[in-house]
Amino acid sequence: MYPSVIKVVPCKDYMLTILFDNGESGTLDMKQILDFGVFQRLKDPEAFKRVRVAFDTIEWDSGVDLDPEFVYEKCKNIKIAQQGA
């Protein structure tokens, strides 16, 4: 079982900073999938910024969502968040 997403922050250049319920955090680069299918809706920077946590993963207002396993596996620089930081 993969950890659940508890926080997502949209960043510049179609990047997301993600915090998981196990204390790990990482960065997800969305640029590589924005040319495919429903993900093209997220090319609009304003639409991309409207990302939120939904259940154990992330989704956008447009109805686009990602599998929680994909989110965790594709996050770069996963590290344990420091307590009290």
N, C-alpha and C. Protein backbone atom coordinates (compact mmCIF):
# COMPACT_ATOMS: atom_id res chain seq x y z
N MET A 1 0.83 -1.18 0.00
CA MET A 1 0.00 0.00 0.00
C MET A 1 0.88 1.25 0.00
N TYR A 2 0.49 2.21 -0.80
CA TYR A 2 1.26 3.44 -0.93
C TYR A 2 0.76 4.48 0.07
N PRO A 3 1.63 5.40 0.48
CA PRO A 3 1.19 6.45 1.39
C PRO A 3 0.18 7.38 0.72
N SER A 4 -0.69 7.97 1.53
CA SER A 4 -1.70 8.90 1.03
C SER A 4 -1.14 10.31 0.95
N VAL A 5 -1.60 11.06 -0.02
CA VAL A 5 -1.25 12.47 -0.14
C VAL A 5 -2.05 13.25 0.90
N ILE A 6 -1.37 14.11 1.66
CA ILE A 6 -2.08 14.94 2.63
C ILE A 6 -1.97 16.44 2.31
N LYS A 7 -1.03 16.79 1.41
CA LYS A 7 -0.89 18.19 1.02
C LYS A 7 -0.25 18.26 -0.36
N VAL A 8 -0.75 19.19 -1.17
CA VAL A 8 -0.16 19.43 -2.49
C VAL A 8 -0.08 20.93 -2.71
N VAL A 9 1.06 21.36 -3.23
CA VAL A 9 1.29 22.78 -3.51
C VAL A 9 1.75 22.91 -4.96
N PRO A 10 0.99 23.64 -5.79
CA PRO A 10 1.44 23.86 -7.16
C PRO A 10 2.61 24.84 -7.17
N CYS A 11 3.59 24.56 -8.01
CA CYS A 11 4.78 25.40 -8.13
C CYS A 11 4.95 25.81 -9.59
N LYS A 12 5.93 26.66 -9.85
CA LYS A 12 6.16 27.10 -11.23
C LYS A 12 6.63 25.94 -12.09
N ASP A 13 6.48 26.12 -13.39
CA ASP A 13 6.96 25.16 -14.38
C ASP A 13 6.28 23.79 -14.26
N TYR A 14 5.01 23.80 -13.89
CA TYR A 14 4.19 22.57 -13.81
C TYR A 14 4.76 21.52 -12.86
N MET A 15 5.25 22.00 -11.74
CA MET A 15 5.76 21.12 -10.69
C MET A 15 4.78 21.15 -9.51
N LEU A 16 4.73 20.04 -8.78
CA LEU A 16 3.91 19.94 -7.57
C LEU A 16 4.80 19.49 -6.42
N THR A 17 4.66 20.13 -5.28
CA THR A 17 5.30 19.67 -4.06
C THR A 17 4.25 18.90 -3.29
N ILE A 18 4.57 17.68 -2.90
CA ILE A 18 3.59 16.77 -2.30
C ILE A 18 4.10 16.25 -0.98
N LEU A 19 3.20 16.24 0.02
CA LEU A 19 3.49 15.69 1.34
C LEU A 19 2.60 14.46 1.55
N PHE A 20 3.21 13.38 2.01
CA PHE A 20 2.50 12.13 2.22
C PHE A 20 2.27 11.88 3.70
N ASP A 21 1.31 11.00 4.01
CA ASP A 21 0.94 10.74 5.41
C ASP A 21 1.98 9.97 6.20
N ASN A 22 3.02 9.48 5.53
CA ASN A 22 4.11 8.77 6.23
C ASN A 22 5.26 9.71 6.58
N GLY A 23 5.07 11.02 6.33
CA GLY A 23 6.10 12.00 6.64
C GLY A 23 7.05 12.31 5.50
N GLU A 24 6.94 11.59 4.40
CA GLU A 24 7.79 11.85 3.24
C GLU A 24 7.19 12.98 2.41
N SER A 25 8.07 13.66 1.67
CA SER A 25 7.62 14.68 0.73
C SER A 25 8.46 14.57 -0.53
N GLY A 26 7.95 15.09 -1.62
CA GLY A 26 8.68 15.03 -2.87
C GLY A 26 8.12 16.00 -3.87
N THR A 27 8.74 16.02 -5.05
CA THR A 27 8.34 16.90 -6.14
C THR A 27 7.91 16.07 -7.34
N LEU A 28 6.77 16.42 -7.90
CA LEU A 28 6.25 15.72 -9.07
C LEU A 28 6.27 16.67 -10.26
N ASP A 29 7.02 16.30 -11.30
CA ASP A 29 7.12 17.08 -12.53
C ASP A 29 6.02 16.62 -13.48
N MET A 30 5.05 17.48 -13.74
CA MET A 30 3.92 17.11 -14.58
C MET A 30 4.14 17.41 -16.06
N LYS A 31 5.22 18.10 -16.41
CA LYS A 31 5.43 18.51 -17.80
C LYS A 31 5.39 17.33 -18.77
N GLN A 32 5.93 16.20 -18.37
CA GLN A 32 6.06 15.07 -19.28
C GLN A 32 4.74 14.43 -19.69
N ILE A 33 3.65 14.72 -18.97
CA ILE A 33 2.37 14.10 -19.33
C ILE A 33 1.32 15.09 -19.81
N LEU A 34 1.66 16.37 -19.90
CA LEU A 34 0.67 17.40 -20.26
C LEU A 34 0.24 17.36 -21.73
N ASP A 35 0.90 16.59 -22.56
CA ASP A 35 0.52 16.49 -23.96
C ASP A 35 -0.42 15.32 -24.24
N PHE A 36 -0.81 14.60 -23.21
CA PHE A 36 -1.61 13.38 -23.39
C PHE A 36 -3.04 13.54 -22.85
N GLY A 37 -4.01 13.19 -23.69
CA GLY A 37 -5.41 13.07 -23.29
C GLY A 37 -5.92 14.20 -22.41
N VAL A 38 -6.58 13.82 -21.31
CA VAL A 38 -7.21 14.80 -20.42
C VAL A 38 -6.21 15.72 -19.75
N PHE A 39 -4.95 15.32 -19.70
CA PHE A 39 -3.93 16.14 -19.04
C PHE A 39 -3.65 17.43 -19.81
N GLN A 40 -4.05 17.49 -21.09
CA GLN A 40 -3.88 18.72 -21.86
C GLN A 40 -4.66 19.88 -21.23
N ARG A 41 -5.73 19.56 -20.51
CA ARG A 41 -6.52 20.60 -19.82
C ARG A 41 -5.69 21.37 -18.80
N LEU A 42 -4.62 20.76 -18.32
CA LEU A 42 -3.80 21.37 -17.26
C LEU A 42 -2.69 22.26 -17.80
N LYS A 43 -2.60 22.40 -19.13
CA LYS A 43 -1.59 23.28 -19.71
C LYS A 43 -1.86 24.74 -19.37
N ASP A 44 -3.10 25.07 -19.12
CA ASP A 44 -3.45 26.43 -18.70
C ASP A 44 -2.92 26.60 -17.28
N PRO A 45 -1.99 27.53 -17.05
CA PRO A 45 -1.40 27.68 -15.72
C PRO A 45 -2.43 27.91 -14.60
N GLU A 46 -3.50 28.62 -14.91
CA GLU A 46 -4.54 28.86 -13.89
C GLU A 46 -5.27 27.56 -13.54
N ALA A 47 -5.53 26.73 -14.54
CA ALA A 47 -6.17 25.43 -14.29
C ALA A 47 -5.23 24.53 -13.49
N PHE A 48 -3.94 24.57 -13.82
CA PHE A 48 -2.97 23.74 -13.11
C PHE A 48 -2.91 24.09 -11.63
N LYS A 49 -3.00 25.37 -11.32
CA LYS A 49 -2.93 25.84 -9.93
C LYS A 49 -4.10 25.37 -9.07
N ARG A 50 -5.19 24.95 -9.70
CA ARG A 50 -6.38 24.54 -8.94
C ARG A 50 -6.34 23.06 -8.56
N VAL A 51 -5.19 22.59 -8.16
CA VAL A 51 -5.00 21.22 -7.70
C VAL A 51 -5.36 21.13 -6.23
N ARG A 52 -5.84 19.98 -5.80
CA ARG A 52 -6.22 19.78 -4.40
C ARG A 52 -6.08 18.31 -4.03
N VAL A 53 -6.06 18.06 -2.73
CA VAL A 53 -6.05 16.69 -2.22
C VAL A 53 -7.48 16.16 -2.28
N ALA A 54 -7.63 14.94 -2.77
CA ALA A 54 -8.93 14.29 -2.83
C ALA A 54 -8.72 12.82 -2.43
N PHE A 55 -9.36 12.45 -1.34
CA PHE A 55 -9.18 11.12 -0.78
C PHE A 55 -7.70 10.90 -0.48
N ASP A 56 -7.03 10.00 -1.18
CA ASP A 56 -5.62 9.72 -0.89
C ASP A 56 -4.68 10.16 -2.00
N THR A 57 -5.19 11.01 -2.93
CA THR A 57 -4.37 11.44 -4.07
C THR A 57 -4.66 12.89 -4.39
N ILE A 58 -4.38 13.30 -5.64
CA ILE A 58 -4.61 14.68 -6.04
C ILE A 58 -5.55 14.74 -7.24
N GLU A 59 -6.28 15.86 -7.34
CA GLU A 59 -7.18 16.07 -8.47
C GLU A 59 -7.28 17.56 -8.76
N TRP A 60 -7.79 17.87 -9.93
CA TRP A 60 -7.99 19.25 -10.37
C TRP A 60 -9.47 19.49 -10.58
N ASP A 61 -9.86 20.77 -10.62
CA ASP A 61 -11.25 21.17 -10.86
C ASP A 61 -11.81 20.59 -12.15
N SER A 62 -10.95 20.39 -13.12
CA SER A 62 -11.38 19.90 -14.44
C SER A 62 -11.77 18.42 -14.43
N GLY A 63 -11.57 17.75 -13.28
CA GLY A 63 -11.90 16.33 -13.20
C GLY A 63 -10.70 15.41 -13.39
N VAL A 64 -9.57 15.97 -13.73
CA VAL A 64 -8.35 15.18 -13.91
C VAL A 64 -7.83 14.77 -12.54
N ASP A 65 -7.45 13.50 -12.41
CA ASP A 65 -6.84 13.03 -11.17
C ASP A 65 -5.72 12.06 -11.50
N LEU A 66 -4.95 11.71 -10.48
CA LEU A 66 -3.83 10.79 -10.67
C LEU A 66 -3.94 9.64 -9.69
N ASP A 67 -3.53 8.49 -10.12
CA ASP A 67 -3.47 7.31 -9.28
C ASP A 67 -2.46 7.55 -8.16
N PRO A 68 -2.80 7.24 -6.90
CA PRO A 68 -1.87 7.50 -5.80
C PRO A 68 -0.54 6.75 -5.95
N GLU A 69 -0.54 5.58 -6.54
CA GLU A 69 0.70 4.85 -6.77
C GLU A 69 1.59 5.60 -7.75
N PHE A 70 0.99 6.16 -8.81
CA PHE A 70 1.74 6.95 -9.78
C PHE A 70 2.37 8.16 -9.10
N VAL A 71 1.57 8.86 -8.30
CA VAL A 71 2.07 10.06 -7.62
C VAL A 71 3.29 9.73 -6.77
N TYR A 72 3.20 8.68 -5.97
CA TYR A 72 4.31 8.33 -5.09
C TYR A 72 5.53 7.86 -5.88
N GLU A 73 5.31 7.01 -6.87
CA GLU A 73 6.43 6.45 -7.64
C GLU A 73 7.15 7.50 -8.46
N LYS A 74 6.43 8.50 -8.95
CA LYS A 74 7.02 9.51 -9.83
C LYS A 74 7.58 10.71 -9.09
N CYS A 75 7.32 10.83 -7.80
CA CYS A 75 7.88 11.95 -7.04
C CYS A 75 9.39 11.84 -6.97
N LYS A 76 10.06 12.95 -7.18
CA LYS A 76 11.52 13.01 -7.12
C LYS A 76 11.94 13.58 -5.78
N ASN A 77 13.12 13.20 -5.36
CA ASN A 77 13.71 13.75 -4.13
C ASN A 77 12.82 13.50 -2.91
N ILE A 78 12.27 12.30 -2.83
CA ILE A 78 11.44 11.98 -1.67
C ILE A 78 12.31 11.94 -0.44
N LYS A 79 11.86 12.62 0.59
CA LYS A 79 12.61 12.66 1.85
C LYS A 79 11.63 12.71 3.01
N ILE A 80 12.13 12.37 4.16
CA ILE A 80 11.33 12.43 5.37
C ILE A 80 11.27 13.89 5.83
N ALA A 81 10.06 14.39 6.06
CA ALA A 81 9.91 15.75 6.57
C ALA A 81 10.43 15.82 8.01
N GLN A 82 11.13 16.88 8.32
CA GLN A 82 11.67 17.04 9.67
C GLN A 82 10.56 17.43 10.64
N GLN A 83 10.58 16.84 11.81
CA GLN A 83 9.60 17.16 12.83
C GLN A 83 9.80 18.61 13.27
N GLY A 84 8.70 19.33 13.38
CA GLY A 84 8.75 20.70 13.88
C GLY A 84 9.24 21.70 12.86
N ALA A 85 9.46 21.26 11.62
CA ALA A 85 9.95 22.19 10.59
C ALA A 85 8.81 22.86 9.88
